[in-house]
Amino acid sequence: MAERGNRRRNRRKERRLPAKKARDVEKTYVRSAFVAKLRRFADALEAGEAFSISVAGERLRVPRDARFSIEHERGDGDEELEFQIKWKSQD
């Protein structure tokens, strides 16, 4: 009986999804769409909930325990402000 359980566990391990490929995507949105996404995110953050979003065709789930930072860059006449959200992959 124990052997059968081990075989099931091994089959489950074999069926795991392949590791996600590295990706670096930047998606531009019109102001109204950007505001709507920020508002949904802020509502989820305030409620202590996970947040789901699609970016360039891939669905992402930001967990409740994600880390947040704000980054400012300046150079060559440009300024950039990034609101960053980081979390560990759930591969």
PDB file of N, CA and C in Angstrom:
ATOM      1  N   MET A   1       0.819  -1.190   0.000  1.00  0.00           N
ATOM      2  CA  MET A   1       0.000   0.000   0.000  1.00  0.00           C
ATOM      3  C   MET A   1       0.869   1.263   0.000  1.00  0.00           C
ATOM      4  N   ALA A   2       1.941   1.259   0.809  1.00  0.00           N
ATOM      5  CA  ALA A   2       2.826   2.423   0.872  1.00  0.00           C
ATOM      6  C   ALA A   2       3.496   2.660  -0.473  1.00  0.00           C
ATOM      7  N   GLU A   3       3.814   1.575  -1.164  1.00  0.00           N
ATOM      8  CA  GLU A   3       4.453   1.701  -2.477  1.00  0.00           C
ATOM      9  C   GLU A   3       3.542   2.432  -3.464  1.00  0.00           C
ATOM     10  N   ARG A   4       2.252   2.150  -3.422  1.00  0.00           N
ATOM     11  CA  ARG A   4       1.296   2.807  -4.316  1.00  0.00           C
ATOM     12  C   ARG A   4       1.269   4.315  -4.036  1.00  0.00           C
ATOM     13  N   GLY A   5       1.285   4.698  -2.762  1.00  0.00           N
ATOM     14  CA  GLY A   5       1.305   6.115  -2.393  1.00  0.00           C
ATOM     15  C   GLY A   5       2.556   6.808  -2.908  1.00  0.00           C
ATOM     16  N   ASN A   6       3.694   6.122  -2.832  1.00  0.00           N
ATOM     17  CA  ASN A   6       4.945   6.692  -3.344  1.00  0.00           C
ATOM     18  C   ASN A   6       4.885   6.900  -4.848  1.00  0.00           C
ATOM     19  N   ARG A   7       4.290   5.938  -5.562  1.00  0.00           N
ATOM     20  CA  ARG A   7       4.164   6.084  -7.020  1.00  0.00           C
ATOM     21  C   ARG A   7       3.298   7.287  -7.366  1.00  0.00           C
ATOM     22  N   ARG A   8       2.209   7.482  -6.624  1.00  0.00           N
ATOM     23  CA  ARG A   8       1.342   8.642  -6.881  1.00  0.00           C
ATOM     24  C   ARG A   8       2.103   9.942  -6.667  1.00  0.00           C
ATOM     25  N   ARG A   9       2.851  10.025  -5.575  1.00  0.00           N
ATOM     26  CA  ARG A   9       3.628  11.243  -5.304  1.00  0.00           C
ATOM     27  C   ARG A   9       4.643  11.491  -6.412  1.00  0.00           C
ATOM     28  N   ASN A  10       5.306  10.445  -6.867  1.00  0.00           N
ATOM     29  CA  ASN A  10       6.295  10.590  -7.934  1.00  0.00           C
ATOM     30  C   ASN A  10       5.650  11.074  -9.226  1.00  0.00           C
ATOM     31  N   ARG A  11       4.469  10.551  -9.554  1.00  0.00           N
ATOM     32  CA  ARG A  11       3.770  11.004 -10.766  1.00  0.00           C
ATOM     33  C   ARG A  11       3.396  12.473 -10.648  1.00  0.00           C
ATOM     34  N   ARG A  12       2.959  12.908  -9.464  1.00  0.00           N
ATOM     35  CA  ARG A  12       2.615  14.318  -9.269  1.00  0.00           C
ATOM     36  C   ARG A  12       3.842  15.192  -9.492  1.00  0.00           C
ATOM     37  N   LYS A  13       4.984  14.763  -8.997  1.00  0.00           N
ATOM     38  CA  LYS A  13       6.215  15.528  -9.186  1.00  0.00           C
ATOM     39  C   LYS A  13       6.551  15.651 -10.667  1.00  0.00           C
ATOM     40  N   GLU A  14       6.358  14.570 -11.421  1.00  0.00           N
ATOM     41  CA  GLU A  14       6.665  14.573 -12.847  1.00  0.00           C
ATOM     42  C   GLU A  14       5.743  15.497 -13.627  1.00  0.00           C
ATOM     43  N   ARG A  15       4.517  15.718 -13.148  1.00  0.00           N
ATOM     44  CA  ARG A  15       3.548  16.539 -13.863  1.00  0.00           C
ATOM     45  C   ARG A  15       3.677  18.025 -13.549  1.00  0.00           C
ATOM     46  N   ARG A  16       4.618  18.401 -12.727  1.00  0.00           N
ATOM     47  CA  ARG A  16       4.785  19.813 -12.399  1.00  0.00           C
ATOM     48  C   ARG A  16       5.024  20.622 -13.661  1.00  0.00           C
ATOM     49  N   LEU A  17       4.560  21.848 -13.634  1.00  0.00           N
ATOM     50  CA  LEU A  17       4.757  22.729 -14.779  1.00  0.00           C
ATOM     51  C   LEU A  17       6.225  23.105 -14.898  1.00  0.00           C
ATOM     52  N   PRO A  18       6.695  23.330 -16.114  1.00  0.00           N
ATOM     53  CA  PRO A  18       8.084  23.754 -16.270  1.00  0.00           C
ATOM     54  C   PRO A  18       8.286  25.122 -15.629  1.00  0.00           C
ATOM     55  N   ALA A  19       9.522  25.425 -15.253  1.00  0.00           N
ATOM     56  CA  ALA A  19       9.840  26.716 -14.640  1.00  0.00           C
ATOM     57  C   ALA A  19       9.475  27.843 -15.597  1.00  0.00           C
ATOM     58  N   LYS A  20       9.043  28.947 -15.031  1.00  0.00           N
ATOM     59  CA  LYS A  20       8.669  30.093 -15.857  1.00  0.00           C
ATOM     60  C   LYS A  20       9.918  30.715 -16.460  1.00  0.00           C
ATOM     61  N   LYS A  21       9.791  31.175 -17.702  1.00  0.00           N
ATOM     62  CA  LYS A  21      10.908  31.813 -18.386  1.00  0.00           C
ATOM     63  C   LYS A  21      11.119  33.217 -17.839  1.00  0.00           C
ATOM     64  N   ALA A  22      12.367  33.678 -17.876  1.00  0.00           N
ATOM     65  CA  ALA A  22      12.674  35.053 -17.480  1.00  0.00           C
ATOM     66  C   ALA A  22      11.911  35.997 -18.398  1.00  0.00           C
ATOM     67  N   ARG A  23      11.537  37.130 -17.871  1.00  0.00           N
ATOM     68  CA  ARG A  23      10.704  38.053 -18.647  1.00  0.00           C
ATOM     69  C   ARG A  23      10.932  39.468 -18.142  1.00  0.00           C
ATOM     70  N   ASP A  24      10.986  40.435 -19.042  1.00  0.00           N
ATOM     71  CA  ASP A  24      11.100  41.853 -18.688  1.00  0.00           C
ATOM     72  C   ASP A  24      10.232  42.620 -19.671  1.00  0.00           C
ATOM     73  N   VAL A  25       9.027  42.962 -19.257  1.00  0.00           N
ATOM     74  CA  VAL A  25       8.031  43.568 -20.136  1.00  0.00           C
ATOM     75  C   VAL A  25       7.614  44.912 -19.568  1.00  0.00           C
ATOM     76  N   GLU A  26       7.455  45.875 -20.436  1.00  0.00           N
ATOM     77  CA  GLU A  26       6.902  47.164 -20.032  1.00  0.00           C
ATOM     78  C   GLU A  26       5.687  47.426 -20.895  1.00  0.00           C
ATOM     79  N   LYS A  27       4.557  47.665 -20.286  1.00  0.00           N
ATOM     80  CA  LYS A  27       3.297  47.875 -20.995  1.00  0.00           C
ATOM     81  C   LYS A  27       2.825  49.296 -20.727  1.00  0.00           C
ATOM     82  N   THR A  28       2.492  50.024 -21.781  1.00  0.00           N
ATOM     83  CA  THR A  28       1.998  51.392 -21.661  1.00  0.00           C
ATOM     84  C   THR A  28       0.476  51.382 -21.715  1.00  0.00           C
ATOM     85  N   TYR A  29      -0.144  52.142 -20.829  1.00  0.00           N
ATOM     86  CA  TYR A  29      -1.602  52.234 -20.753  1.00  0.00           C
ATOM     87  C   TYR A  29      -2.038  53.687 -20.885  1.00  0.00           C
ATOM     88  N   VAL A  30      -3.247  53.889 -21.390  1.00  0.00           N
ATOM     89  CA  VAL A  30      -3.825  55.233 -21.369  1.00  0.00           C
ATOM     90  C   VAL A  30      -4.134  55.560 -19.911  1.00  0.00           C
ATOM     91  N   ARG A  31      -4.219  56.840 -19.616  1.00  0.00           N
ATOM     92  CA  ARG A  31      -4.388  57.290 -18.233  1.00  0.00           C
ATOM     93  C   ARG A  31      -5.560  56.594 -17.522  1.00  0.00           C
ATOM     94  N   SER A  32      -6.726  56.524 -18.163  1.00  0.00           N
ATOM     95  CA  SER A  32      -7.904  55.950 -17.491  1.00  0.00           C
ATOM     96  C   SER A  32      -7.694  54.476 -17.129  1.00  0.00           C
ATOM     97  N   ALA A  33      -7.057  53.711 -18.001  1.00  0.00           N
ATOM     98  CA  ALA A  33      -6.791  52.296 -17.720  1.00  0.00           C
ATOM     99  C   ALA A  33      -5.764  52.153 -16.598  1.00  0.00           C
ATOM    100  N   PHE A  34      -4.751  53.014 -16.608  1.00  0.00           N
ATOM    101  CA  PHE A  34      -3.720  52.992 -15.572  1.00  0.00           C
ATOM    102  C   PHE A  34      -4.337  53.318 -14.211  1.00  0.00           C
ATOM    103  N   VAL A  35      -5.181  54.333 -14.181  1.00  0.00           N
ATOM    104  CA  VAL A  35      -5.850  54.721 -12.935  1.00  0.00           C
ATOM    105  C   VAL A  35      -6.719  53.575 -12.420  1.00  0.00           C
ATOM    106  N   ALA A  36      -7.452  52.919 -13.302  1.00  0.00           N
ATOM    107  CA  ALA A  36      -8.320  51.812 -12.892  1.00  0.00           C
ATOM    108  C   ALA A  36      -7.502  50.669 -12.290  1.00  0.00           C
ATOM    109  N   LYS A  37      -6.358  50.351 -12.894  1.00  0.00           N
ATOM    110  CA  LYS A  37      -5.504  49.283 -12.369  1.00  0.00           C
ATOM    111  C   LYS A  37      -4.939  49.669 -11.004  1.00  0.00           C
ATOM    112  N   LEU A  38      -4.478  50.913 -10.882  1.00  0.00           N
ATOM    113  CA  LEU A  38      -3.953  51.376  -9.594  1.00  0.00           C
ATOM    114  C   LEU A  38      -5.034  51.345  -8.515  1.00  0.00           C
ATOM    115  N   ARG A  39      -6.229  51.750  -8.875  1.00  0.00           N
ATOM    116  CA  ARG A  39      -7.328  51.772  -7.905  1.00  0.00           C
ATOM    117  C   ARG A  39      -7.661  50.351  -7.438  1.00  0.00           C
ATOM    118  N   ARG A  40      -7.743  49.405  -8.372  1.00  0.00           N
ATOM    119  CA  ARG A  40      -8.012  48.008  -7.993  1.00  0.00           C
ATOM    120  C   ARG A  40      -6.917  47.473  -7.082  1.00  0.00           C
ATOM    121  N   PHE A  41      -5.659  47.822  -7.431  1.00  0.00           N
ATOM    122  CA  PHE A  41      -4.534  47.369  -6.619  1.00  0.00           C
ATOM    123  C   PHE A  41      -4.590  47.988  -5.225  1.00  0.00           C
ATOM    124  N   ALA A  42      -4.834  49.288  -5.143  1.00  0.00           N
ATOM    125  CA  ALA A  42      -4.907  49.964  -3.849  1.00  0.00           C
ATOM    126  C   ALA A  42      -6.026  49.377  -2.989  1.00  0.00           C
ATOM    127  N   ASP A  43      -7.156  49.078  -3.595  1.00  0.00           N
ATOM    128  CA  ASP A  43      -8.275  48.483  -2.851  1.00  0.00           C
ATOM    129  C   ASP A  43      -7.882  47.118  -2.286  1.00  0.00           C
ATOM    130  N   ALA A  44      -7.231  46.287  -3.095  1.00  0.00           N
ATOM    131  CA  ALA A  44      -6.797  44.964  -2.639  1.00  0.00           C
ATOM    132  C   ALA A  44      -5.752  45.097  -1.533  1.00  0.00           C
ATOM    133  N   LEU A  45      -4.814  46.007  -1.703  1.00  0.00           N
ATOM    134  CA  LEU A  45      -3.758  46.231  -0.719  1.00  0.00           C
ATOM    135  C   LEU A  45      -4.357  46.675   0.612  1.00  0.00           C
ATOM    136  N   GLU A  46      -5.267  47.627   0.545  1.00  0.00           N
ATOM    137  CA  GLU A  46      -5.912  48.140   1.754  1.00  0.00           C
ATOM    138  C   GLU A  46      -6.705  47.047   2.472  1.00  0.00           C
ATOM    139  N   ALA A  47      -7.335  46.164   1.718  1.00  0.00           N
ATOM    140  CA  ALA A  47      -8.138  45.076   2.289  1.00  0.00           C
ATOM    141  C   ALA A  47      -7.280  43.883   2.727  1.00  0.00           C
ATOM    142  N   GLY A  48      -5.971  43.927   2.456  1.00  0.00           N
ATOM    143  CA  GLY A  48      -5.098  42.815   2.820  1.00  0.00           C
ATOM    144  C   GLY A  48      -5.303  41.589   1.960  1.00  0.00           C
ATOM    145  N   GLU A  49      -5.715  41.794   0.716  1.00  0.00           N
ATOM    146  CA  GLU A  49      -6.006  40.689  -0.196  1.00  0.00           C
ATOM    147  C   GLU A  49      -4.939  40.562  -1.276  1.00  0.00           C
ATOM    148  N   ALA A  50      -4.888  39.395  -1.905  1.00  0.00           N
ATOM    149  CA  ALA A  50      -4.033  39.204  -3.078  1.00  0.00           C
ATOM    150  C   ALA A  50      -4.633  40.006  -4.232  1.00  0.00           C
ATOM    151  N   PHE A  51      -3.825  40.254  -5.258  1.00  0.00           N
ATOM    152  CA  PHE A  51      -4.246  41.058  -6.402  1.00  0.00           C
ATOM    153  C   PHE A  51      -3.878  40.318  -7.674  1.00  0.00           C
ATOM    154  N   SER A  52      -4.802  40.223  -8.620  1.00  0.00           N
ATOM    155  CA  SER A  52      -4.531  39.581  -9.909  1.00  0.00           C
ATOM    156  C   SER A  52      -4.587  40.617 -11.011  1.00  0.00           C
ATOM    157  N   ILE A  53      -3.669  40.485 -11.974  1.00  0.00           N
ATOM    158  CA  ILE A  53      -3.592  41.427 -13.086  1.00  0.00           C
ATOM    159  C   ILE A  53      -3.002  40.708 -14.296  1.00  0.00           C
ATOM    160  N   SER A  54      -3.432  41.084 -15.487  1.00  0.00           N
ATOM    161  CA  SER A  54      -2.832  40.573 -16.722  1.00  0.00           C
ATOM    162  C   SER A  54      -1.910  41.642 -17.281  1.00  0.00           C
ATOM    163  N   VAL A  55      -0.691  41.240 -17.619  1.00  0.00           N
ATOM    164  CA  VAL A  55       0.281  42.159 -18.206  1.00  0.00           C
ATOM    165  C   VAL A  55       0.822  41.510 -19.468  1.00  0.00           C
ATOM    166  N   ALA A  56       0.588  42.147 -20.597  1.00  0.00           N
ATOM    167  CA  ALA A  56       1.083  41.658 -21.888  1.00  0.00           C
ATOM    168  C   ALA A  56       0.756  40.180 -22.089  1.00  0.00           C
ATOM    169  N   GLY A  57      -0.480  39.800 -21.776  1.00  0.00           N
ATOM    170  CA  GLY A  57      -0.941  38.440 -22.048  1.00  0.00           C
ATOM    171  C   GLY A  57      -0.652  37.406 -20.985  1.00  0.00           C
ATOM    172  N   GLU A  58      -0.006  37.784 -19.894  1.00  0.00           N
ATOM    173  CA  GLU A  58       0.262  36.821 -18.822  1.00  0.00           C
ATOM    174  C   GLU A  58      -0.466  37.254 -17.557  1.00  0.00           C
ATOM    175  N   ARG A  59      -1.178  36.308 -16.961  1.00  0.00           N
ATOM    176  CA  ARG A  59      -1.930  36.576 -15.734  1.00  0.00           C
ATOM    177  C   ARG A  59      -0.997  36.416 -14.538  1.00  0.00           C
ATOM    178  N   LEU A  60      -0.959  37.430 -13.684  1.00  0.00           N
ATOM    179  CA  LEU A  60      -0.104  37.421 -12.501  1.00  0.00           C
ATOM    180  C   LEU A  60      -0.961  37.516 -11.251  1.00  0.00           C
ATOM    181  N   ARG A  61      -0.495  36.891 -10.196  1.00  0.00           N
ATOM    182  CA  ARG A  61      -1.154  37.001  -8.896  1.00  0.00           C
ATOM    183  C   ARG A  61      -0.137  37.537  -7.906  1.00  0.00           C
ATOM    184  N   VAL A  62      -0.406  38.719  -7.389  1.00  0.00           N
ATOM    185  CA  VAL A  62       0.461  39.352  -6.401  1.00  0.00           C
ATOM    186  C   VAL A  62      -0.056  38.930  -5.025  1.00  0.00           C
ATOM    187  N   PRO A  63       0.755  38.205  -4.253  1.00  0.00           N
ATOM    188  CA  PRO A  63       0.279  37.727  -2.954  1.00  0.00           C
ATOM    189  C   PRO A  63       0.162  38.856  -1.928  1.00  0.00           C
ATOM    190  N   ARG A  64      -0.563  38.574  -0.865  1.00  0.00           N
ATOM    191  CA  ARG A  64      -0.757  39.570   0.194  1.00  0.00           C
ATOM    192  C   ARG A  64       0.552  39.991   0.835  1.00  0.00           C
ATOM    193  N   ASP A  65       1.542  39.102   0.873  1.00  0.00           N
ATOM    194  CA  ASP A  65       2.794  39.410   1.570  1.00  0.00           C
ATOM    195  C   ASP A  65       3.882  39.965   0.645  1.00  0.00           C
ATOM    196  N   ALA A  66       3.500  40.515  -0.489  1.00  0.00           N
ATOM    197  CA  ALA A  66       4.473  41.127  -1.406  1.00  0.00           C
ATOM    198  C   ALA A  66       5.152  42.313  -0.711  1.00  0.00           C
ATOM    199  N   ARG A  67       6.321  42.689  -1.220  1.00  0.00           N
ATOM    200  CA  ARG A  67       7.062  43.841  -0.693  1.00  0.00           C
ATOM    201  C   ARG A  67       6.910  45.001  -1.663  1.00  0.00           C
ATOM    202  N   PHE A  68       6.879  46.215  -1.133  1.00  0.00           N
ATOM    203  CA  PHE A  68       6.619  47.395  -1.949  1.00  0.00           C
ATOM    204  C   PHE A  68       7.731  48.413  -1.780  1.00  0.00           C
ATOM    205  N   SER A  69       8.083  49.076  -2.884  1.00  0.00           N
ATOM    206  CA  SER A  69       9.072  50.155  -2.824  1.00  0.00           C
ATOM    207  C   SER A  69       8.764  51.166  -3.920  1.00  0.00           C
ATOM    208  N   ILE A  70       9.321  52.347  -3.753  1.00  0.00           N
ATOM    209  CA  ILE A  70       9.193  53.400  -4.760  1.00  0.00           C
ATOM    210  C   ILE A  70      10.602  53.790  -5.170  1.00  0.00           C
ATOM    211  N   GLU A  71      10.834  53.838  -6.466  1.00  0.00           N
ATOM    212  CA  GLU A  71      12.163  54.134  -7.008  1.00  0.00           C
ATOM    213  C   GLU A  71      12.085  55.378  -7.883  1.00  0.00           C
ATOM    214  N   HIS A  72      13.078  56.265  -7.725  1.00  0.00           N
ATOM    215  CA  HIS A  72      13.161  57.466  -8.552  1.00  0.00           C
ATOM    216  C   HIS A  72      14.507  57.458  -9.267  1.00  0.00           C
ATOM    217  N   GLU A  73      14.475  57.682 -10.566  1.00  0.00           N
ATOM    218  CA  GLU A  73      15.702  57.759 -11.366  1.00  0.00           C
ATOM    219  C   GLU A  73      15.707  59.066 -12.134  1.00  0.00           C
ATOM    220  N   ARG A  74      16.911  59.634 -12.311  1.00  0.00           N
ATOM    221  CA  ARG A  74      17.067  60.856 -13.094  1.00  0.00           C
ATOM    222  C   ARG A  74      18.342  60.719 -13.929  1.00  0.00           C
ATOM    223  N   GLY A  75      18.252  61.118 -15.183  1.00  0.00           N
ATOM    224  CA  GLY A  75      19.424  61.081 -16.042  1.00  0.00           C
ATOM    225  C   GLY A  75      19.075  61.447 -17.464  1.00  0.00           C
ATOM    226  N   ASP A  76      20.013  62.086 -18.153  1.00  0.00           N
ATOM    227  CA  ASP A  76      19.849  62.457 -19.564  1.00  0.00           C
ATOM    228  C   ASP A  76      18.551  63.221 -19.827  1.00  0.00           C
ATOM    229  N   GLY A  77      18.182  64.109 -18.908  1.00  0.00           N
ATOM    230  CA  GLY A  77      16.998  64.937 -19.111  1.00  0.00           C
ATOM    231  C   GLY A  77      15.675  64.243 -18.846  1.00  0.00           C
ATOM    232  N   ASP A  78      15.709  62.989 -18.395  1.00  0.00           N
ATOM    233  CA  ASP A  78      14.480  62.249 -18.094  1.00  0.00           C
ATOM    234  C   ASP A  78      14.403  61.948 -16.602  1.00  0.00           C
ATOM    235  N   GLU A  79      13.190  61.845 -16.111  1.00  0.00           N
ATOM    236  CA  GLU A  79      12.951  61.404 -14.739  1.00  0.00           C
ATOM    237  C   GLU A  79      11.988  60.229 -14.792  1.00  0.00           C
ATOM    238  N   GLU A  80      12.152  59.317 -13.861  1.00  0.00           N
ATOM    239  CA  GLU A  80      11.315  58.118 -13.835  1.00  0.00           C
ATOM    240  C   GLU A  80      10.942  57.800 -12.395  1.00  0.00           C
ATOM    241  N   LEU A  81       9.686  57.476 -12.189  1.00  0.00           N
ATOM    242  CA  LEU A  81       9.183  57.074 -10.884  1.00  0.00           C
ATOM    243  C   LEU A  81       8.546  55.697 -11.047  1.00  0.00           C
ATOM    244  N   GLU A  82       9.038  54.728 -10.295  1.00  0.00           N
ATOM    245  CA  GLU A  82       8.519  53.359 -10.387  1.00  0.00           C
ATOM    246  C   GLU A  82       7.970  52.924  -9.037  1.00  0.00           C
ATOM    247  N   PHE A  83       6.744  52.430  -9.050  1.00  0.00           N
ATOM    248  CA  PHE A  83       6.165  51.789  -7.881  1.00  0.00           C
ATOM    249  C   PHE A  83       6.425  50.299  -8.079  1.00  0.00           C
ATOM    250  N   GLN A  84       7.267  49.726  -7.243  1.00  0.00           N
ATOM    251  CA  GLN A  84       7.676  48.339  -7.438  1.00  0.00           C
ATOM    252  C   GLN A  84       7.011  47.418  -6.423  1.00  0.00           C
ATOM    253  N   ILE A  85       6.632  46.262  -6.908  1.00  0.00           N
ATOM    254  CA  ILE A  85       6.011  45.230  -6.092  1.00  0.00           C
ATOM    255  C   ILE A  85       6.807  43.954  -6.338  1.00  0.00           C
ATOM    256  N   LYS A  86       7.332  43.355  -5.276  1.00  0.00           N
ATOM    257  CA  LYS A  86       8.153  42.146  -5.426  1.00  0.00           C
ATOM    258  C   LYS A  86       7.618  41.036  -4.535  1.00  0.00           C
ATOM    259  N   TRP A  87       7.728  39.800  -5.060  1.00  0.00           N
ATOM    260  CA  TRP A  87       7.331  38.624  -4.296  1.00  0.00           C
ATOM    261  C   TRP A  87       8.081  37.429  -4.840  1.00  0.00           C
ATOM    262  N   LYS A  88       8.107  36.361  -4.080  1.00  0.00           N
ATOM    263  CA  LYS A  88       8.764  35.121  -4.497  1.00  0.00           C
ATOM    264  C   LYS A  88       7.857  34.357  -5.447  1.00  0.00           C
ATOM    265  N   SER A  89       8.448  33.815  -6.504  1.00  0.00           N
ATOM    266  CA  SER A  89       7.696  32.990  -7.460  1.00  0.00           C
ATOM    267  C   SER A  89       7.191  31.738  -6.772  1.00  0.00           C
ATOM    268  N   GLN A  90       6.041  31.264  -7.199  1.00  0.00           N
ATOM    269  CA  GLN A  90       5.444  30.046  -6.642  1.00  0.00           C
ATOM    270  C   GLN A  90       5.562  28.913  -7.652  1.00  0.00           C
ATOM    271  N   ASP A  91       6.766  28.629  -8.136  1.00  0.00           N
ATOM    272  CA  ASP A  91       6.978  27.576  -9.145  1.00  0.00           C
ATOM    273  C   ASP A  91       6.667  26.217  -8.607  1.00  0.00           C
TER     274      ASP A  91
END
